Protein backbone atom coordinates (compact mmCIF):
# COMPACT_ATOMS: atom_id res chain seq x y z
CA MET A 1 -78.76 95.26 20.58
CA CYS A 2 -75.28 96.71 21.10
CA GLY A 3 -73.73 99.88 22.49
CA CYS A 4 -70.24 101.10 21.86
CA GLY A 5 -68.16 104.20 22.55
CA SER A 6 -64.91 105.59 23.89
CA HIS A 7 -66.01 108.02 26.60
CA GLY A 8 -65.88 105.91 29.76
CA GLU A 9 -69.40 105.19 31.03
CA LYS A 10 -71.13 107.29 28.33
CA LEU A 11 -73.28 105.35 25.88
CA GLU A 12 -72.61 106.64 22.34
CA THR A 13 -74.62 104.43 19.96
CA ILE A 14 -77.37 101.82 20.04
CA GLU A 15 -78.39 99.53 17.19
CA ASP A 16 -81.36 97.17 17.32
CA GLY A 17 -80.79 93.96 15.38
CA ALA A 18 -84.42 92.87 15.62
CA HIS A 19 -86.59 95.78 14.42
CA GLU A 20 -89.28 93.47 13.13
CA ASN A 21 -89.83 91.95 16.59
CA TYR A 22 -90.20 95.18 18.55
CA LEU A 23 -93.96 94.68 19.12
CA ASN A 24 -93.11 91.83 21.48
CA PHE A 25 -91.60 94.43 23.79
CA GLY A 26 -94.13 97.20 23.19
CA PHE A 27 -91.83 99.80 21.62
CA PRO A 28 -89.56 100.35 18.60
CA LEU A 29 -85.86 100.89 19.20
CA PRO A 30 -84.34 102.81 16.28
CA THR A 31 -80.62 103.37 15.92
CA ALA A 32 -79.57 106.23 18.21
CA HIS A 33 -76.45 108.35 18.62
CA TYR A 34 -75.94 110.05 21.99
CA THR A 35 -74.28 113.40 22.65
CA TYR A 36 -73.48 114.85 26.07
CA ASP A 37 -72.67 118.17 27.69
CA GLY A 38 -69.47 118.86 29.64
CA ILE A 39 -70.70 117.23 32.86
CA GLY A 40 -72.27 114.14 31.33
CA ASN A 41 -75.95 115.01 30.77
CA VAL A 42 -77.51 113.62 27.59
CA LEU A 43 -78.24 116.47 25.16
CA ASN A 44 -79.45 114.53 22.12
CA ASP A 45 -80.14 110.93 21.09
CA ASP A 46 -81.45 111.49 17.53
CA GLN A 47 -85.03 111.26 18.82
CA GLN A 48 -85.18 114.12 21.30
CA SER A 49 -83.01 116.90 22.71
CA MET A 50 -82.92 118.20 26.29
CA SER A 51 -81.76 121.28 28.15
CA TYR A 52 -81.04 121.80 31.84
CA ASN A 53 -81.65 124.59 34.34
CA ALA A 54 -79.17 126.32 36.67
CA PHE A 55 -79.50 123.50 39.19
CA ASN A 56 -78.61 120.91 36.52
CA PHE A 57 -82.17 119.55 36.52
CA PRO A 58 -83.89 118.69 33.20
CA ASN A 59 -85.71 121.80 32.00
CA THR A 60 -87.09 121.27 28.47
CA ILE A 61 -87.42 118.34 26.11
CA SER A 62 -88.17 118.33 22.38
CA THR A 63 -88.60 115.44 19.96
CA THR A 64 -87.82 115.18 16.25
CA SER A 65 -91.57 115.27 15.60
CA GLY A 66 -91.71 118.80 16.99
CA TYR A 67 -93.26 117.90 20.34
CA GLY A 68 -92.01 120.11 23.15
CA ALA A 69 -92.85 120.39 26.84
CA GLU A 70 -91.78 122.33 29.91
CA ILE A 71 -90.98 119.82 32.62
CA SER A 72 -92.57 120.17 36.04
CA TYR A 73 -91.04 118.47 39.08
CA ARG A 74 -92.83 116.32 41.58
CA THR A 75 -92.12 113.59 44.09
CA ASP A 76 -94.52 110.68 43.70
CA GLY A 77 -93.96 107.64 45.90
CA SER A 78 -96.89 105.70 44.43
CA ASN A 79 -96.18 102.32 42.81
CA SER A 80 -99.69 102.06 41.41
CA THR A 81 -99.95 101.16 37.73
CA SER A 82 -103.71 101.05 37.39
CA LEU A 83 -106.44 103.66 37.04
CA ASN A 84 -109.86 102.98 38.57
CA ASP A 85 -113.25 104.64 38.28
CA PRO A 86 -113.89 106.01 41.84
CA ASN A 87 -117.63 105.42 41.49
CA THR A 88 -117.70 101.88 40.09
CA ALA A 89 -114.17 100.61 40.97
CA GLU A 90 -113.93 99.60 37.28
CA ILE A 91 -110.34 99.27 36.03
CA LEU A 92 -109.96 101.91 33.33
CA GLN A 93 -106.27 101.42 32.62
CA ARG A 94 -103.67 98.82 33.53
CA GLU A 95 -99.98 98.64 32.73
CA LEU A 96 -97.65 95.70 33.35
CA TYR A 97 -93.86 96.02 33.27
CA TYR A 98 -90.64 94.15 32.95
CA PRO A 99 -88.42 94.72 36.02
CA PHE A 100 -86.56 97.70 34.51
CA GLY A 101 -89.76 99.43 33.36
CA MET A 102 -90.42 98.32 29.79
CA SER A 103 -94.15 98.04 29.23
CA PHE A 104 -95.39 94.48 28.86
CA ARG A 105 -97.93 94.35 26.03
CA GLY A 106 -99.00 90.76 26.51
CA THR A 107 -102.48 91.92 27.51
CA ALA A 108 -104.75 93.80 25.13
CA PRO A 109 -104.96 97.55 25.86
CA LEU A 110 -108.29 99.00 26.88
CA GLU A 111 -110.17 100.99 24.28
CA PRO A 112 -110.33 103.90 24.42
CA GLU A 113 -107.13 104.15 26.47
CA PRO A 114 -107.43 106.82 29.22
CA ASP A 115 -104.96 109.69 29.29
CA GLN A 116 -103.01 108.57 32.38
CA ASP A 117 -99.25 109.10 32.17
CA PHE A 118 -98.14 108.26 35.74
CA LEU A 119 -97.05 104.71 35.15
CA TYR A 120 -93.90 102.78 36.12
CA ASN A 121 -93.14 103.38 39.83
CA GLY A 122 -95.76 106.13 39.73
CA LYS A 123 -93.55 108.37 37.58
CA GLU A 124 -94.75 110.42 34.62
CA LEU A 125 -94.13 109.12 31.12
CA VAL A 126 -93.25 112.29 29.20
CA GLY A 127 -95.31 112.53 26.02
CA GLU A 128 -93.84 110.85 22.96
CA THR A 129 -90.32 110.57 24.38
CA GLY A 130 -90.59 107.21 26.11
CA LEU A 131 -88.74 108.69 29.11
CA TYR A 132 -89.88 108.81 32.74
CA ASP A 133 -89.51 112.03 34.73
CA TYR A 134 -88.06 111.21 38.16
CA GLY A 135 -87.39 114.84 39.09
CA ALA A 136 -83.60 115.05 39.07
CA ARG A 137 -83.17 112.98 35.90
CA TYR A 138 -84.99 111.25 33.06
CA TYR A 139 -85.00 107.47 32.94
CA ASP A 140 -85.07 105.44 29.70
CA PRO A 141 -86.54 101.95 30.31
CA ALA A 142 -85.54 100.89 26.78
CA VAL A 143 -81.86 100.79 27.78
CA SER A 144 -82.29 100.66 31.58
CA ARG A 145 -80.17 103.77 32.07
CA TRP A 146 -80.52 107.34 33.24
CA MET A 147 -80.10 110.18 30.75
CA GLY A 148 -77.87 112.19 33.13
CA VAL A 149 -75.19 111.70 35.75
CA ASP A 150 -76.24 110.80 39.29
CA PRO A 151 -76.01 113.98 41.46
CA LEU A 152 -74.77 111.67 44.24
CA ALA A 153 -72.37 109.68 42.04
CA TYR A 154 -69.57 110.17 44.58
CA GLU A 155 -71.52 107.92 46.97
CA TYR A 156 -71.48 105.07 44.42
CA GLY A 157 -67.88 105.08 43.29
CA ALA A 158 -67.91 101.44 42.17
CA TRP A 159 -70.96 101.97 39.93
CA SER A 160 -71.63 103.74 36.65
CA PRO A 161 -73.26 107.15 37.27
CA TYR A 162 -75.91 106.14 34.72
CA ASN A 163 -76.94 102.84 36.36
CA TYR A 164 -80.52 102.40 37.51
CA VAL A 165 -81.00 101.22 41.14
CA LEU A 166 -77.64 99.43 41.25
CA ASN A 167 -78.89 97.16 38.44
CA ASN A 168 -81.36 95.50 40.81
CA PRO A 169 -84.94 96.83 40.49
CA MET A 170 -86.27 93.86 42.45
CA LEU A 171 -84.46 95.02 45.58
CA HIS A 172 -84.05 98.79 45.20
CA PHE A 173 -86.22 101.81 44.41
CA ASP A 174 -84.95 105.25 43.42
CA PRO A 175 -87.54 107.85 44.52
CA ASP A 176 -86.30 110.85 42.52
CA GLY A 177 -83.23 110.01 40.45
CA ARG A 178 -80.68 110.70 43.18
CA SER A 179 -80.38 107.66 45.42
CA VAL A 180 -81.95 104.37 46.32
CA ASP A 181 -83.96 104.22 49.53
CA GLY A 182 -83.10 103.11 53.10
CA GLU A 183 -80.06 102.69 55.33
CA TYR A 184 -76.83 101.65 53.61
CA GLU A 185 -73.46 100.13 54.40
CA LYS A 186 -70.58 99.39 52.05
CA ASP A 187 -69.77 95.74 51.35
CA GLU A 188 -66.24 94.34 51.03
CA ASP A 189 -66.13 95.42 47.38
CA GLY A 190 -67.00 99.03 48.17
CA ASN A 191 -70.60 98.84 46.88
CA TRP A 192 -73.50 100.32 48.83
CA VAL A 193 -75.83 97.63 50.17
CA LYS A 194 -79.20 98.27 51.77
CA VAL A 195 -79.28 97.01 55.36
CA SER A 196 -82.64 98.36 56.59
CA ASP A 197 -85.57 100.62 55.70
CA LYS A 198 -84.78 103.07 58.50
CA GLY A 199 -85.27 106.59 57.24
CA ASP A 200 -88.01 105.66 54.77
CA HIS A 201 -90.54 106.84 57.39
CA ILE A 202 -89.31 110.42 56.94
CA GLY A 203 -87.85 110.33 53.42
CA VAL A 204 -84.16 110.32 54.40
CA ASP A 205 -81.43 107.96 53.19
CA PHE A 206 -78.48 107.15 55.48
CA TYR A 207 -75.01 106.15 54.21
CA HIS A 208 -72.64 104.99 56.94
CA HIS A 209 -68.91 105.75 56.51
CA ASP A 210 -66.45 104.14 58.94
CA THR A 211 -64.29 107.28 58.92
CA PHE A 212 -64.45 110.48 56.93
CA ARG A 213 -61.63 112.72 55.73
CA GLY A 214 -59.29 111.78 58.54
CA SER A 215 -61.69 112.79 61.30
CA GLY A 216 -61.27 109.44 63.03
CA LYS A 217 -65.03 109.41 63.68
CA GLN A 218 -67.77 107.28 62.21
CA MET A 219 -69.81 109.60 59.99
CA THR A 220 -73.19 109.09 58.33
CA LEU A 221 -74.40 111.02 55.29
CA ALA A 222 -78.11 111.89 55.64
CA VAL A 223 -79.76 112.70 52.29
CA ASP A 224 -83.22 114.23 51.96
CA GLN A 225 -85.01 112.14 49.30
CA MET A 226 -87.21 115.11 48.35
CA SER A 227 -84.54 117.71 47.60
CA GLY A 228 -81.28 115.74 47.47
CA SER A 229 -79.82 118.03 50.17
CA TYR A 230 -77.53 116.34 52.66
CA ASN A 231 -75.70 116.73 55.96
CA TRP A 232 -73.34 114.67 58.09
CA ILE A 233 -74.28 112.99 61.39
CA THR A 234 -71.46 112.01 63.74
CA ASN A 235 -71.77 108.41 64.96
CA GLY A 236 -74.91 108.00 62.86
CA ARG A 237 -74.62 104.23 62.85
CA SER A 238 -75.04 104.21 66.63
CA VAL A 239 -77.89 106.73 66.39
CA LEU A 240 -79.86 104.39 64.14
CA ARG A 241 -79.38 101.33 66.31
CA GLY A 242 -82.60 100.04 67.77
CA GLU A 243 -86.14 99.02 66.95
CA SER A 244 -88.55 101.31 65.11
CA ARG A 245 -91.64 101.74 67.29
CA GLN A 246 -95.25 102.06 66.19
CA ASP A 247 -97.67 104.84 67.15
CA ASP A 248 -99.19 102.78 69.97
CA ILE A 249 -95.91 102.93 71.94
CA GLY A 250 -95.88 106.13 73.98
CA TRP A 251 -94.34 107.57 77.13
CA GLN A 252 -96.16 105.12 79.44
CA GLU A 253 -94.90 102.06 77.55
CA VAL A 254 -91.35 103.45 77.43
CA PHE A 255 -91.38 104.00 81.19
CA ASP A 256 -92.86 100.56 81.90
CA GLU A 257 -90.27 98.87 79.69
CA TRP A 258 -87.51 100.49 81.72
CA LYS A 259 -89.21 99.85 85.06
CA PHE A 260 -89.93 96.15 84.47
CA GLY A 261 -87.09 95.24 82.12
CA THR A 262 -89.27 94.50 79.08
CA GLY A 263 -89.17 95.70 75.46
CA PRO A 264 -86.07 96.63 73.41
CA GLU A 265 -83.02 98.31 74.88
CA ARG A 266 -82.99 100.88 72.07
CA SER A 267 -86.01 102.44 70.36
CA LEU A 268 -86.49 104.72 67.34
CA PHE A 269 -89.48 107.04 66.90
CA TRP A 270 -89.96 108.49 63.41
CA GLY A 271 -91.76 111.36 61.73
CA SER A 272 -95.27 112.13 62.92
CA HIS A 273 -95.19 109.67 65.84
CA PRO A 274 -97.29 111.10 68.71
CA SER A 275 -94.19 111.31 70.92
CA ASN A 276 -92.42 113.46 68.31
CA VAL A 277 -95.44 115.73 67.99
CA SER A 278 -95.43 116.26 71.75
CA ILE A 279 -91.69 116.97 71.85
CA SER A 280 -91.92 119.49 69.01
CA LYS A 281 -94.55 121.55 70.89
CA HIS A 282 -92.70 121.85 74.21
CA TYR A 283 -91.17 125.24 75.02
CA ASN A 284 -87.72 123.80 75.72
CA PHE A 285 -87.60 122.32 72.21
CA LEU A 286 -88.98 125.48 70.61
CA ASP A 287 -86.41 127.67 72.36
CA ALA A 288 -83.55 125.50 71.09
CA HIS A 289 -85.03 125.45 67.59
CA ASP A 290 -85.33 129.25 67.50
CA GLU A 291 -81.71 129.58 68.61
CA PHE A 292 -80.59 127.19 65.87
CA LEU A 293 -82.47 129.05 63.14
CA ALA A 294 -80.99 132.37 64.29
CA SER A 295 -77.46 130.94 64.10
CA GLU A 296 -77.69 129.98 60.40
CA ASP A 297 -75.39 127.03 61.19
CA SER A 298 -75.76 123.88 59.09
CA LYS A 299 -76.02 121.78 62.25
CA ALA A 300 -75.82 122.24 66.01
CA GLY A 301 -76.31 120.35 69.27
CA PHE A 302 -78.07 121.40 72.48
CA SER A 303 -78.44 120.05 76.01
CA VAL A 304 -82.09 120.43 76.94
CA ASN A 305 -82.23 120.72 80.73
CA PHE A 306 -85.38 119.90 82.65
CA TRP A 307 -85.38 121.58 86.07
CA PRO A 308 -87.74 120.92 89.02
CA ASP A 309 -89.92 123.92 88.17
CA ASP A 310 -90.36 122.53 84.63
CA TYR A 311 -92.54 119.79 86.11
CA VAL A 312 -94.96 122.54 87.09
CA TRP A 313 -94.82 124.50 83.83
CA THR A 314 -95.03 121.36 81.71
CA GLY A 315 -98.34 120.40 83.30
CA THR A 316 -100.00 117.35 81.75
CA ASP A 317 -97.37 116.88 79.01
CA MET A 318 -96.32 113.46 80.24
CA GLN A 319 -93.96 112.83 77.30
CA SER A 320 -91.77 115.75 78.39
CA GLN A 321 -92.04 114.80 82.06
CA MET A 322 -91.00 111.24 81.28
CA MET A 323 -88.00 112.40 79.20
CA GLY A 324 -86.76 115.13 81.53
CA SER A 325 -83.36 116.35 80.27
CA TYR A 326 -82.11 115.09 76.88
CA ASN A 327 -79.72 115.85 74.01
CA LEU A 328 -81.03 117.60 70.91
CA SER A 329 -79.44 118.14 67.48
CA PHE A 330 -80.61 119.98 64.38
CA TYR A 331 -79.44 119.39 60.79
CA ARG A 332 -80.28 121.55 57.79
CA LEU A 333 -81.25 119.53 54.73
CA GLY A 334 -81.90 122.24 52.17
CA GLU A 335 -84.93 124.24 53.24
CA ARG A 336 -85.93 121.68 55.86
CA VAL A 337 -84.56 121.06 59.35
CA LEU A 338 -84.15 117.53 60.71
CA ALA A 339 -84.45 117.22 64.50
CA LEU A 340 -82.75 114.42 66.43
CA ALA A 341 -83.59 114.04 70.13
CA GLN A 342 -81.76 111.41 72.19
CA ASP A 343 -82.91 110.34 75.63
CA SER A 344 -82.19 107.51 78.04
CA LYS A 345 -83.90 105.95 81.01
CA SER A 346 -81.65 105.02 83.95
CA ARG A 347 -81.80 104.78 87.73
CA GLN A 348 -79.74 107.94 88.16
CA SER A 349 -82.09 109.97 85.97
CA PHE A 350 -85.20 108.59 87.68
CA TYR A 351 -84.00 108.74 91.30
CA TYR A 352 -83.02 112.39 90.96
CA ARG A 353 -79.85 113.31 92.93
CA MET A 354 -79.86 109.99 94.83
CA ASP A 355 -76.72 107.86 95.14
CA VAL A 356 -77.77 104.91 92.95
CA THR A 357 -76.03 102.75 90.36
CA ASN A 358 -76.95 102.37 86.68
CA TYR A 359 -77.04 98.92 85.06
CA SER A 360 -76.95 97.97 81.40
CA ARG A 361 -79.38 95.52 79.84
CA SER A 362 -76.53 93.21 78.92
CA GLU A 363 -75.34 92.78 82.52
CA GLY A 364 -78.64 93.11 84.39
CA ARG A 365 -78.62 93.42 88.16
CA TYR A 366 -79.31 91.47 91.34
CA ILE A 367 -82.11 92.56 93.64
CA THR A 368 -82.13 91.60 97.29
CA LYS A 369 -85.57 90.34 98.25
CA ALA A 370 -86.82 89.59 101.71
CA PRO A 371 -88.68 86.26 102.08
CA THR A 372 -92.44 86.35 102.48
CA ILE A 373 -93.23 82.63 102.99
CA PRO A 374 -92.21 80.89 106.25
CA MET A 375 -90.34 77.57 105.97
CA SER A 376 -91.32 74.53 108.12
CA THR A 377 -88.84 71.91 109.36
CA GLY A 378 -88.81 69.26 112.10
CA MET A 379 -87.40 71.90 114.41
CA GLY A 380 -90.31 74.24 113.82
CA THR A 381 -91.15 77.15 111.51
CA TYR A 382 -88.74 79.95 110.60
CA LEU A 383 -88.35 82.81 108.12
CA PRO A 384 -85.31 82.29 105.81
CA GLY A 385 -82.82 85.05 105.12
CA PRO A 386 -82.93 87.44 102.16
CA SER A 387 -82.03 86.20 98.65
CA ASN A 388 -80.49 87.80 95.56
CA VAL A 389 -82.68 87.66 92.45
CA TYR A 390 -81.37 88.41 88.93
CA SER A 391 -83.49 91.02 87.16
CA LEU A 392 -83.57 93.33 84.12
CA SER A 393 -85.84 95.82 85.84
CA GLU A 394 -84.56 99.41 85.88
CA THR A 395 -81.74 98.63 83.45
CA ASN A 396 -80.80 101.35 80.97
CA THR A 397 -82.88 101.97 77.85
CA TYR A 398 -82.28 104.48 75.07
CA GLN A 399 -84.74 106.40 72.89
CA THR A 400 -84.10 108.32 69.66
CA TYR A 401 -86.71 110.66 68.18
CA MET A 402 -86.18 111.86 64.59
CA PHE A 403 -88.47 114.14 62.59
CA PHE A 404 -88.58 117.22 60.37
CA VAL A 405 -89.51 120.42 62.15
CA ARG A 406 -92.55 122.09 60.64
């Protein structure tokens, strides 16, 4: 098989030199000639033609056989490739794939074959076209390429805008045709490399830039996987430092970890975590949220102050009592609003208005302890003097809470 052309990354022709062997791969691959519109979307490949809506999303598709369909958009995170009878658990349909999505026909198909079109990566195989609908673009597993330009191509400058998951489907997954999932840093060659799955909990991808447009600040691009909308977070790399905590870690555990010097120094709480639910219901949070919505700004920061009388009005909401005052930011990602609450536990915040010193986890602190056990010598029994004991108790911890506001 060969492709050739003279329009940069655009594939112009494909010829299959082994037509008679196509059944080994499960599909025929006839000669195709590709045409594009002015911004790089495939319009025709001799087998089907496509049109696009005002948002540059695929709108209609028609094949040479006369098949036509209006395309509906969905986000489907399922990787299931089997269909089961809910009553008997019998497998009604099973599909196996090569890494880039070509169907593996080494096993005999079931007869009759059920009408189930959500196949590779849980995406819909569109009728007779052989293309998968990812939402923002169509994907052709026959050539392992997208049929349109990546809407976020500027984030992948070293890669073709038609590449599928950075040419590594074993490591990456593209949820909707816009970006691969997780938290990303650039390597020494300028390519985006996944460094963690932070953000997958809420459907947001994070791309860390050392500096941006001469601002002199570290900036992170936050991209909503559902809509492709994005916003910039200042010092986002620092924001995402820490350990993602499970639902069984709540306000009591956070306080105990600070008090006794246990647990991680930095913690992240994502999405529908019970702590986030509690924060989102408190009147201080709701007041700040209402102010943000009224401003129509794309992002804004607030200092949420917790005064002595708030302990009374807050009542049994121990999450808010434990946090006290904290910093809160809102970011618009399309129609949705991402909330970012940042709190810390320190001696100065706990011992309110008292003259005490904060200590970091890295340096720890020394606690003076009075002896409790008398010492015996030939001269008699005596109580030794106080001693200094190294401890991590009451050393600073930091908590970040990130979720979409309902």
